[in-house]
Amino acid sequence: MSSSPEKFGSSVQDKPRVAAVQMTSGPDVASNLAIADRLLRVAADAGACIAVLPENFSCMALRDTDRLAIAEDDGRGFAQDAIAALAARLKLWVIAGTIPLRIPGERRVRAACLVFDSAGERRARYDKIHLFDVDVPGRGESHRESANFRPGTEVVTVDTPAGRVGLSVCYDLRFPELYRRLSADGADWFVVPAAFTVPTGRAHWEVLLRARATENLAAVVASGQSGFHASGRETYGDSMIINHWGEILARLPRGEGVVTAIFERAAQQTARSSFPALAHRTLF
């Protein structure tokens, strides 16, 4: 599924500045939104036209089931309304990590990544497809997202002032076929809002992000949760912005904050023309 520039009237910038926002969210939604407000203002003041919040930015719950209690109806709710209003006030596009949204008639919810434009209008919704049902190697840490979340089914791109973006969330990063589909749907860049574990982040985060960028000649903005949360869980952080050639333009290893970088869209278009690996792809 994609959203066309004709439908939304997006004006694509030649050298857009984008921002990755890193947070250490807790269980209180209002407190997290206040932090997101402050950090998005930093992004806007830095000249970013679009900013990406991390997965679970509005709540890193004490218990997995707590996310059910704060879930919102699609299109309205405390977190959705707050981010829409903030995007409009700052005249900033915001890709809002994930917000748990209710499914009518079901106990489980969706982990929804929402895109708001600079007028506060919602342009796209992506429901996380790949759910993190794993036992983390080297730690007594177990995750079963499918117990409380229902996976999404649709691949989503949307046109923005920074070009067409392909939406993904955290564990999606390990599935390159998703990014090939996003690339085939015209994505110029990808977002990866995340709450990566420390062992897997240390081992795989950077190499996976750079691989997704390099193999698709597409930029990547990865916004992470970072540090110790009230539940005792630790997340890896290391938010970064990577260009289409796999080069890291900006990164924030630890702690709350914002990093920004400029996409050189002309250089990306030249690379895709002179090094046409995407056109050489053969499906088996």
C-alpha atoms as a PDB file:
ATOM      1  CA  MET A   1       0.000   0.000   0.000  1.00  0.00           C
ATOM      2  CA  SER A   2       1.349   3.426  -0.834  1.00  0.00           C
ATOM      3  CA  SER A   3       0.289   7.056  -0.687  1.00  0.00           C
ATOM      4  CA  SER A   4       0.910   9.110  -3.815  1.00  0.00           C
ATOM      5  CA  PRO A   5       2.344  12.665  -3.937  1.00  0.00           C
ATOM      6  CA  GLU A   6      -0.551  13.692  -6.190  1.00  0.00           C
ATOM      7  CA  LYS A   7      -3.042  12.722  -3.520  1.00  0.00           C
ATOM      8  CA  PHE A   8      -1.252  14.529  -0.727  1.00  0.00           C
ATOM      9  CA  GLY A   9       0.547  17.314  -2.558  1.00  0.00           C
ATOM     10  CA  SER A  10       3.934  16.572  -0.946  1.00  0.00           C
ATOM     11  CA  SER A  11       6.814  18.814  -2.010  1.00  0.00           C
ATOM     12  CA  VAL A  12       9.990  16.722  -2.173  1.00  0.00           C
ATOM     13  CA  GLN A  13      13.132  18.581  -1.097  1.00  0.00           C
ATOM     14  CA  ASP A  14      16.471  18.141  -2.912  1.00  0.00           C
ATOM     15  CA  LYS A  15      18.493  18.054   0.321  1.00  0.00           C
ATOM     16  CA  PRO A  16      16.065  17.311   3.149  1.00  0.00           C
ATOM     17  CA  ARG A  17      17.281  17.202   6.726  1.00  0.00           C
ATOM     18  CA  VAL A  18      15.878  14.274   8.701  1.00  0.00           C
ATOM     19  CA  ALA A  19      16.024  13.482  12.408  1.00  0.00           C
ATOM     20  CA  ALA A  20      16.211  10.362  14.542  1.00  0.00           C
ATOM     21  CA  VAL A  21      14.872  10.746  18.077  1.00  0.00           C
ATOM     22  CA  GLN A  22      16.214   8.482  20.835  1.00  0.00           C
ATOM     23  CA  MET A  23      14.295   8.016  24.089  1.00  0.00           C
ATOM     24  CA  THR A  24      14.296   6.065  27.348  1.00  0.00           C
ATOM     25  CA  SER A  25      10.548   5.756  27.722  1.00  0.00           C
ATOM     26  CA  GLY A  26       8.853   4.684  30.930  1.00  0.00           C
ATOM     27  CA  PRO A  27       5.394   3.376  31.805  1.00  0.00           C
ATOM     28  CA  ASP A  28       3.669   6.781  32.065  1.00  0.00           C
ATOM     29  CA  VAL A  29       2.268   7.958  28.740  1.00  0.00           C
ATOM     30  CA  ALA A  30       1.988  11.641  29.681  1.00  0.00           C
ATOM     31  CA  SER A  31       5.616  11.802  30.825  1.00  0.00           C
ATOM     32  CA  ASN A  32       6.821  10.128  27.640  1.00  0.00           C
ATOM     33  CA  LEU A  33       4.821  12.509  25.477  1.00  0.00           C
ATOM     34  CA  ALA A  34       6.349  15.470  27.298  1.00  0.00           C
ATOM     35  CA  ILE A  35       9.825  14.133  26.482  1.00  0.00           C
ATOM     36  CA  ALA A  36       8.835  13.485  22.864  1.00  0.00           C
ATOM     37  CA  ASP A  37       7.522  17.063  22.702  1.00  0.00           C
ATOM     38  CA  ARG A  38      10.876  18.451  23.882  1.00  0.00           C
ATOM     39  CA  LEU A  39      12.962  16.279  21.558  1.00  0.00           C
ATOM     40  CA  LEU A  40      10.807  16.941  18.507  1.00  0.00           C
ATOM     41  CA  ARG A  41      11.242  20.657  19.154  1.00  0.00           C
ATOM     42  CA  VAL A  42      15.003  20.075  19.068  1.00  0.00           C
ATOM     43  CA  ALA A  43      14.617  18.325  15.710  1.00  0.00           C
ATOM     44  CA  ALA A  44      12.515  21.155  14.318  1.00  0.00           C
ATOM     45  CA  ASP A  45      14.936  23.798  15.582  1.00  0.00           C
ATOM     46  CA  ALA A  46      17.767  21.903  13.835  1.00  0.00           C
ATOM     47  CA  GLY A  47      15.937  22.334  10.530  1.00  0.00           C
ATOM     48  CA  ALA A  48      14.587  18.821  10.102  1.00  0.00           C
ATOM     49  CA  CYS A  49      11.549  18.443   7.862  1.00  0.00           C
ATOM     50  CA  ILE A  50      10.712  15.014   9.278  1.00  0.00           C
ATOM     51  CA  ALA A  51      11.543  13.233  12.540  1.00  0.00           C
ATOM     52  CA  VAL A  52      11.272   9.591  13.587  1.00  0.00           C
ATOM     53  CA  LEU A  53      10.296   8.528  17.111  1.00  0.00           C
ATOM     54  CA  PRO A  54      11.306   5.091  18.486  1.00  0.00           C
ATOM     55  CA  GLU A  55       9.180   2.012  18.956  1.00  0.00           C
ATOM     56  CA  ASN A  56       7.006   2.174  22.098  1.00  0.00           C
ATOM     57  CA  PHE A  57       7.827   5.881  22.461  1.00  0.00           C
ATOM     58  CA  SER A  58       4.582   6.524  24.349  1.00  0.00           C
ATOM     59  CA  CYS A  59       5.014   3.627  26.802  1.00  0.00           C
ATOM     60  CA  MET A  60       7.684   1.114  27.767  1.00  0.00           C
ATOM     61  CA  ALA A  61       5.390  -0.887  29.999  1.00  0.00           C
ATOM     62  CA  LEU A  62       6.191  -2.571  33.289  1.00  0.00           C
ATOM     63  CA  ARG A  63       4.399  -5.666  31.971  1.00  0.00           C
ATOM     64  CA  ASP A  64       3.583  -6.626  28.414  1.00  0.00           C
ATOM     65  CA  THR A  65      -0.124  -6.731  29.226  1.00  0.00           C
ATOM     66  CA  ASP A  66      -0.010  -3.069  30.316  1.00  0.00           C
ATOM     67  CA  ARG A  67       0.094  -2.059  26.649  1.00  0.00           C
ATOM     68  CA  LEU A  68      -3.438  -3.415  26.306  1.00  0.00           C
ATOM     69  CA  ALA A  69      -4.662  -0.959  28.942  1.00  0.00           C
ATOM     70  CA  ILE A  70      -3.226   2.091  27.144  1.00  0.00           C
ATOM     71  CA  ALA A  71      -4.301   1.011  23.650  1.00  0.00           C
ATOM     72  CA  GLU A  72      -6.226   3.596  21.644  1.00  0.00           C
ATOM     73  CA  ASP A  73      -8.925   3.440  19.014  1.00  0.00           C
ATOM     74  CA  ASP A  74      -7.680   3.974  15.486  1.00  0.00           C
ATOM     75  CA  GLY A  75      -7.777   7.690  14.693  1.00  0.00           C
ATOM     76  CA  ARG A  76      -8.272   9.073  18.185  1.00  0.00           C
ATOM     77  CA  GLY A  77      -6.565   8.893  21.547  1.00  0.00           C
ATOM     78  CA  PHE A  78      -4.210  10.675  23.923  1.00  0.00           C
ATOM     79  CA  ALA A  79      -0.956   9.801  22.133  1.00  0.00           C
ATOM     80  CA  GLN A  80      -2.309  10.164  18.592  1.00  0.00           C
ATOM     81  CA  ASP A  81      -3.893  13.534  19.328  1.00  0.00           C
ATOM     82  CA  ALA A  82      -0.771  14.819  21.078  1.00  0.00           C
ATOM     83  CA  ILE A  83       1.597  13.909  18.234  1.00  0.00           C
ATOM     84  CA  ALA A  84      -0.770  15.258  15.572  1.00  0.00           C
ATOM     85  CA  ALA A  85      -1.055  18.570  17.423  1.00  0.00           C
ATOM     86  CA  LEU A  86       2.692  18.782  17.964  1.00  0.00           C
ATOM     87  CA  ALA A  87       3.431  18.064  14.285  1.00  0.00           C
ATOM     88  CA  ALA A  88       1.087  20.899  13.316  1.00  0.00           C
ATOM     89  CA  ARG A  89       2.573  23.355  15.839  1.00  0.00           C
ATOM     90  CA  LEU A  90       6.144  22.595  14.774  1.00  0.00           C
ATOM     91  CA  LYS A  91       5.273  22.278  11.065  1.00  0.00           C
ATOM     92  CA  LEU A  92       7.206  19.012  11.206  1.00  0.00           C
ATOM     93  CA  TRP A  93       6.396  15.627   9.700  1.00  0.00           C
ATOM     94  CA  VAL A  94       6.505  13.000  12.457  1.00  0.00           C
ATOM     95  CA  ILE A  95       6.814   9.244  12.100  1.00  0.00           C
ATOM     96  CA  ALA A  96       5.438   8.106  15.424  1.00  0.00           C
ATOM     97  CA  GLY A  97       7.342   4.943  16.321  1.00  0.00           C
ATOM     98  CA  THR A  98       4.590   2.626  17.501  1.00  0.00           C
ATOM     99  CA  ILE A  99       1.343   3.216  19.344  1.00  0.00           C
ATOM    100  CA  PRO A 100      -0.838   0.243  20.426  1.00  0.00           C
ATOM    101  CA  LEU A 101      -4.165   0.434  18.586  1.00  0.00           C
ATOM    102  CA  ARG A 102      -7.226  -1.630  19.416  1.00  0.00           C
ATOM    103  CA  ILE A 103      -8.681  -4.236  17.071  1.00  0.00           C
ATOM    104  CA  PRO A 104     -12.481  -4.331  17.238  1.00  0.00           C
ATOM    105  CA  GLY A 105     -13.659  -7.602  18.738  1.00  0.00           C
ATOM    106  CA  GLU A 106     -10.205  -8.824  19.789  1.00  0.00           C
ATOM    107  CA  ARG A 107      -8.169  -8.640  22.997  1.00  0.00           C
ATOM    108  CA  ARG A 108      -4.860  -8.254  21.191  1.00  0.00           C
ATOM    109  CA  VAL A 109      -3.782  -4.959  19.644  1.00  0.00           C
ATOM    110  CA  ARG A 110      -1.677  -3.764  16.710  1.00  0.00           C
ATOM    111  CA  ALA A 111       1.746  -2.131  17.042  1.00  0.00           C
ATOM    112  CA  ALA A 112       1.008   0.757  14.683  1.00  0.00           C
ATOM    113  CA  CYS A 113       3.572   3.117  13.175  1.00  0.00           C
ATOM    114  CA  LEU A 114       1.755   6.331  12.233  1.00  0.00           C
ATOM    115  CA  VAL A 115       2.893   9.109   9.905  1.00  0.00           C
ATOM    116  CA  PHE A 116       1.675  12.676  10.493  1.00  0.00           C
ATOM    117  CA  ASP A 117       2.383  15.547   8.131  1.00  0.00           C
ATOM    118  CA  SER A 118       3.297  19.134   9.012  1.00  0.00           C
ATOM    119  CA  ALA A 119      -0.382  20.070   9.264  1.00  0.00           C
ATOM    120  CA  GLY A 120      -1.029  17.295  11.792  1.00  0.00           C
ATOM    121  CA  GLU A 121      -2.919  15.120   9.302  1.00  0.00           C
ATOM    122  CA  ARG A 122      -2.309  11.391   9.336  1.00  0.00           C
ATOM    123  CA  ARG A 123      -0.847  10.186   6.048  1.00  0.00           C
ATOM    124  CA  ALA A 124      -0.140   6.514   6.705  1.00  0.00           C
ATOM    125  CA  ARG A 125      -0.401   3.639   9.160  1.00  0.00           C
ATOM    126  CA  TYR A 126       1.826   0.567   9.203  1.00  0.00           C
ATOM    127  CA  ASP A 127       1.152  -2.344  11.551  1.00  0.00           C
ATOM    128  CA  LYS A 128       4.296  -4.235  12.570  1.00  0.00           C
ATOM    129  CA  ILE A 129       4.393  -7.456  10.570  1.00  0.00           C
ATOM    130  CA  HIS A 130       7.138  -9.483  12.266  1.00  0.00           C
ATOM    131  CA  LEU A 131       6.532 -10.010  15.988  1.00  0.00           C
ATOM    132  CA  PHE A 132       9.393 -10.604  18.407  1.00  0.00           C
ATOM    133  CA  ASP A 133       8.767 -14.103  19.812  1.00  0.00           C
ATOM    134  CA  VAL A 134      12.275 -15.069  20.953  1.00  0.00           C
ATOM    135  CA  ASP A 135      14.488 -16.055  23.840  1.00  0.00           C
ATOM    136  CA  VAL A 136      17.448 -13.672  23.757  1.00  0.00           C
ATOM    137  CA  PRO A 137      20.786 -15.541  23.630  1.00  0.00           C
ATOM    138  CA  GLY A 138      23.049 -14.826  26.570  1.00  0.00           C
ATOM    139  CA  ARG A 139      20.320 -13.376  28.754  1.00  0.00           C
ATOM    140  CA  GLY A 140      17.404 -14.667  30.775  1.00  0.00           C
ATOM    141  CA  GLU A 141      15.224 -12.474  28.581  1.00  0.00           C
ATOM    142  CA  SER A 142      12.182 -13.829  26.801  1.00  0.00           C
ATOM    143  CA  HIS A 143       9.719 -11.998  24.576  1.00  0.00           C
ATOM    144  CA  ARG A 144       6.381 -13.152  23.148  1.00  0.00           C
ATOM    145  CA  GLU A 145       4.872 -10.172  21.373  1.00  0.00           C
ATOM    146  CA  SER A 146       2.246 -12.323  19.693  1.00  0.00           C
ATOM    147  CA  ALA A 147       0.614 -12.923  23.090  1.00  0.00           C
ATOM    148  CA  ASN A 148      -0.628  -9.315  23.102  1.00  0.00           C
ATOM    149  CA  PHE A 149      -0.135  -8.095  19.544  1.00  0.00           C
ATOM    150  CA  ARG A 150      -1.571  -9.226  16.254  1.00  0.00           C
ATOM    151  CA  PRO A 151       0.788  -8.956  13.261  1.00  0.00           C
ATOM    152  CA  GLY A 152       0.090  -6.617  10.403  1.00  0.00           C
ATOM    153  CA  THR A 153      -0.319  -7.820   6.846  1.00  0.00           C
ATOM    154  CA  GLU A 154       0.250  -4.775   4.600  1.00  0.00           C
ATOM    155  CA  VAL A 155       3.510  -3.305   3.293  1.00  0.00           C
ATOM    156  CA  VAL A 156       3.323   0.502   3.417  1.00  0.00           C
ATOM    157  CA  THR A 157       5.156   3.350   1.697  1.00  0.00           C
ATOM    158  CA  VAL A 158       4.234   7.023   1.825  1.00  0.00           C
ATOM    159  CA  ASP A 159       5.496  10.162   0.081  1.00  0.00           C
ATOM    160  CA  THR A 160       7.106  12.790   2.296  1.00  0.00           C
ATOM    161  CA  PRO A 161       9.231  15.930   1.799  1.00  0.00           C
ATOM    162  CA  ALA A 162      12.283  13.639   2.101  1.00  0.00           C
ATOM    163  CA  GLY A 163      11.065  11.279  -0.629  1.00  0.00           C
ATOM    164  CA  ARG A 164       9.051   8.091  -0.481  1.00  0.00           C
ATOM    165  CA  VAL A 165       9.621   6.257   2.802  1.00  0.00           C
ATOM    166  CA  GLY A 166       9.100   2.566   3.498  1.00  0.00           C
ATOM    167  CA  LEU A 167       7.808   1.834   6.985  1.00  0.00           C
ATOM    168  CA  SER A 168       9.166  -0.931   9.199  1.00  0.00           C
ATOM    169  CA  VAL A 169       9.559  -1.593  12.928  1.00  0.00           C
ATOM    170  CA  CYS A 170      12.371  -3.188  14.952  1.00  0.00           C
ATOM    171  CA  TYR A 171      12.299  -6.994  14.366  1.00  0.00           C
ATOM    172  CA  ASP A 172      11.242  -6.365  10.748  1.00  0.00           C
ATOM    173  CA  LEU A 173      14.896  -5.438  10.197  1.00  0.00           C
ATOM    174  CA  ARG A 174      15.860  -9.122  10.070  1.00  0.00           C
ATOM    175  CA  PHE A 175      13.663  -9.825   7.057  1.00  0.00           C
ATOM    176  CA  PRO A 176      15.305  -8.385   3.907  1.00  0.00           C
ATOM    177  CA  GLU A 177      12.428  -9.479   1.691  1.00  0.00           C
ATOM    178  CA  LEU A 178      10.267  -6.795   3.319  1.00  0.00           C
ATOM    179  CA  TYR A 179      12.714  -4.084   2.285  1.00  0.00           C
ATOM    180  CA  ARG A 180      12.949  -5.492  -1.243  1.00  0.00           C
ATOM    181  CA  ARG A 181       9.172  -5.147  -1.449  1.00  0.00           C
ATOM    182  CA  LEU A 182       9.343  -1.595  -0.090  1.00  0.00           C
ATOM    183  CA  SER A 183      12.065  -0.802  -2.607  1.00  0.00           C
ATOM    184  CA  ALA A 184       9.987  -2.271  -5.431  1.00  0.00           C
ATOM    185  CA  ASP A 185       7.153  -0.007  -4.268  1.00  0.00           C
ATOM    186  CA  GLY A 186       9.384   3.017  -4.814  1.00  0.00           C
ATOM    187  CA  ALA A 187      10.915   3.632  -1.384  1.00  0.00           C
ATOM    188  CA  ASP A 188      13.828   6.081  -1.382  1.00  0.00           C
ATOM    189  CA  TRP A 189      14.492   5.512   2.317  1.00  0.00           C
ATOM    190  CA  PHE A 190      13.389   3.348   5.225  1.00  0.00           C
ATOM    191  CA  VAL A 191      12.574   3.972   8.870  1.00  0.00           C
ATOM    192  CA  VAL A 192      13.284   1.504  11.666  1.00  0.00           C
ATOM    193  CA  PRO A 193      11.833   2.658  15.005  1.00  0.00           C
ATOM    194  CA  ALA A 194      13.081   0.089  17.493  1.00  0.00           C
ATOM    195  CA  ALA A 195      13.541  -1.142  21.051  1.00  0.00           C
ATOM    196  CA  PHE A 196      16.408  -3.559  20.348  1.00  0.00           C
ATOM    197  CA  THR A 197      17.772  -5.777  23.093  1.00  0.00           C
ATOM    198  CA  VAL A 198      21.379  -5.169  24.130  1.00  0.00           C
ATOM    199  CA  PRO A 199      22.874  -8.560  23.117  1.00  0.00           C
ATOM    200  CA  THR A 200      21.248  -8.564  19.684  1.00  0.00           C
ATOM    201  CA  GLY A 201      21.924  -4.864  19.231  1.00  0.00           C
ATOM    202  CA  ARG A 202      25.591  -5.241  20.022  1.00  0.00           C
ATOM    203  CA  ALA A 203      25.891  -8.174  17.625  1.00  0.00           C
ATOM    204  CA  HIS A 204      23.626  -7.210  14.722  1.00  0.00           C
ATOM    205  CA  TRP A 205      22.068  -3.718  14.840  1.00  0.00           C
ATOM    206  CA  GLU A 206      24.600  -1.776  12.785  1.00  0.00           C
ATOM    207  CA  VAL A 207      25.368  -4.532  10.297  1.00  0.00           C
ATOM    208  CA  LEU A 208      21.683  -5.134   9.574  1.00  0.00           C
ATOM    209  CA  LEU A 209      20.892  -1.456   9.150  1.00  0.00           C
ATOM    210  CA  ARG A 210      23.816  -0.884   6.816  1.00  0.00           C
ATOM    211  CA  ALA A 211      22.939  -4.008   4.845  1.00  0.00           C
ATOM    212  CA  ARG A 212      19.353  -2.863   4.297  1.00  0.00           C
ATOM    213  CA  ALA A 213      20.660   0.512   3.106  1.00  0.00           C
ATOM    214  CA  THR A 214      23.395  -0.880   0.856  1.00  0.00           C
ATOM    215  CA  GLU A 215      21.448  -3.654  -0.836  1.00  0.00           C
ATOM    216  CA  ASN A 216      18.583  -1.296  -1.705  1.00  0.00           C
ATOM    217  CA  LEU A 217      20.607   1.884  -2.341  1.00  0.00           C
ATOM    218  CA  ALA A 218      18.218   3.502   0.129  1.00  0.00           C
ATOM    219  CA  ALA A 219      18.840   5.675   3.164  1.00  0.00           C
ATOM    220  CA  VAL A 220      17.809   4.444   6.618  1.00  0.00           C
ATOM    221  CA  VAL A 221      16.704   6.348   9.719  1.00  0.00           C
ATOM    222  CA  ALA A 222      16.764   4.131  12.809  1.00  0.00           C
ATOM    223  CA  SER A 223      15.386   5.548  16.071  1.00  0.00           C
ATOM    224  CA  GLY A 224      15.895   3.464  19.188  1.00  0.00           C
ATOM    225  CA  GLN A 225      14.964   3.149  22.792  1.00  0.00           C
ATOM    226  CA  SER A 226      18.107   3.419  24.925  1.00  0.00           C
ATOM    227  CA  GLY A 227      19.162   2.484  28.447  1.00  0.00           C
ATOM    228  CA  PHE A 228      17.416   1.041  31.492  1.00  0.00           C
ATOM    229  CA  HIS A 229      13.627   1.197  31.772  1.00  0.00           C
ATOM    230  CA  ALA A 230      11.372   0.991  34.818  1.00  0.00           C
ATOM    231  CA  SER A 231      10.629  -2.662  34.066  1.00  0.00           C
ATOM    232  CA  GLY A 232      14.331  -3.493  34.440  1.00  0.00           C
ATOM    233  CA  ARG A 233      14.718  -4.091  30.719  1.00  0.00           C
ATOM    234  CA  GLU A 234      17.702  -2.518  28.966  1.00  0.00           C
ATOM    235  CA  THR A 235      17.536  -1.405  25.332  1.00  0.00           C
ATOM    236  CA  TYR A 236      20.449  -0.844  22.991  1.00  0.00           C
ATOM    237  CA  GLY A 237      19.909   2.633  21.539  1.00  0.00           C
ATOM    238  CA  ASP A 238      22.544   3.602  18.928  1.00  0.00           C
ATOM    239  CA  SER A 239      20.078   5.538  16.789  1.00  0.00           C
ATOM    240  CA  MET A 240      21.594   6.389  13.437  1.00  0.00           C
ATOM    241  CA  ILE A 241      21.054   7.863  10.000  1.00  0.00           C
ATOM    242  CA  ILE A 242      22.648   5.976   7.110  1.00  0.00           C
ATOM    243  CA  ASN A 243      22.873   7.066   3.494  1.00  0.00           C
ATOM    244  CA  HIS A 244      22.138   5.039   0.360  1.00  0.00           C
ATOM    245  CA  TRP A 245      25.776   3.867   0.145  1.00  0.00           C
ATOM    246  CA  GLY A 246      25.717   2.394   3.636  1.00  0.00           C
ATOM    247  CA  GLU A 247      27.678   5.250   5.215  1.00  0.00           C
ATOM    248  CA  ILE A 248      26.712   6.366   8.721  1.00  0.00           C
ATOM    249  CA  LEU A 249      25.934  10.080   8.605  1.00  0.00           C
ATOM    250  CA  ALA A 250      24.977  10.531  12.273  1.00  0.00           C
ATOM    251  CA  ARG A 251      24.537   8.366  15.347  1.00  0.00           C
ATOM    252  CA  LEU A 252      23.712   8.598  19.047  1.00  0.00           C
ATOM    253  CA  PRO A 253      25.123   5.583  20.903  1.00  0.00           C
ATOM    254  CA  ARG A 254      23.402   6.092  24.248  1.00  0.00           C
ATOM    255  CA  GLY A 255      20.896   8.244  26.121  1.00  0.00           C
ATOM    256  CA  GLU A 256      18.081  10.547  25.112  1.00  0.00           C
ATOM    257  CA  GLY A 257      18.649  12.960  22.288  1.00  0.00           C
ATOM    258  CA  VAL A 258      18.340  13.807  18.608  1.00  0.00           C
ATOM    259  CA  VAL A 259      20.624  13.351  15.625  1.00  0.00           C
ATOM    260  CA  THR A 260      20.055  14.879  12.198  1.00  0.00           C
ATOM    261  CA  ALA A 261      21.558  14.523   8.747  1.00  0.00           C
ATOM    262  CA  ILE A 262      20.933  15.655   5.191  1.00  0.00           C
ATOM    263  CA  PHE A 263      19.879  13.242   2.463  1.00  0.00           C
ATOM    264  CA  GLU A 264      21.762  13.901  -0.767  1.00  0.00           C
ATOM    265  CA  ARG A 265      18.956  12.856  -3.070  1.00  0.00           C
ATOM    266  CA  ALA A 266      20.818  13.734  -6.277  1.00  0.00           C
ATOM    267  CA  ALA A 267      23.722  11.514  -5.218  1.00  0.00           C
ATOM    268  CA  GLN A 268      21.307   8.668  -4.509  1.00  0.00           C
ATOM    269  CA  GLN A 269      19.685   9.029  -7.916  1.00  0.00           C
ATOM    270  CA  THR A 270      23.097   9.069  -9.596  1.00  0.00           C
ATOM    271  CA  ALA A 271      24.151   5.946  -7.701  1.00  0.00           C
ATOM    272  CA  ARG A 272      20.988   4.101  -8.665  1.00  0.00           C
ATOM    273  CA  SER A 273      21.546   5.061 -12.298  1.00  0.00           C
ATOM    274  CA  SER A 274      25.278   4.310 -12.571  1.00  0.00           C
ATOM    275  CA  PHE A 275      25.231   1.295 -10.237  1.00  0.00           C
ATOM    276  CA  PRO A 276      21.871  -0.290 -11.200  1.00  0.00           C
ATOM    277  CA  ALA A 277      21.928  -3.251  -8.856  1.00  0.00           C
ATOM    278  CA  LEU A 278      18.186  -2.973  -8.252  1.00  0.00           C
ATOM    279  CA  ALA A 279      17.527  -3.305 -11.972  1.00  0.00           C
ATOM    280  CA  HIS A 280      19.838  -6.329 -12.181  1.00  0.00           C
ATOM    281  CA  ARG A 281      17.891  -8.256  -9.536  1.00  0.00           C
ATOM    282  CA  THR A 282      16.631 -11.630 -10.754  1.00  0.00           C
ATOM    283  CA  LEU A 283      13.831 -13.426  -8.912  1.00  0.00           C
ATOM    284  CA  PHE A 284      14.107 -17.169  -8.503  1.00  0.00           C
END
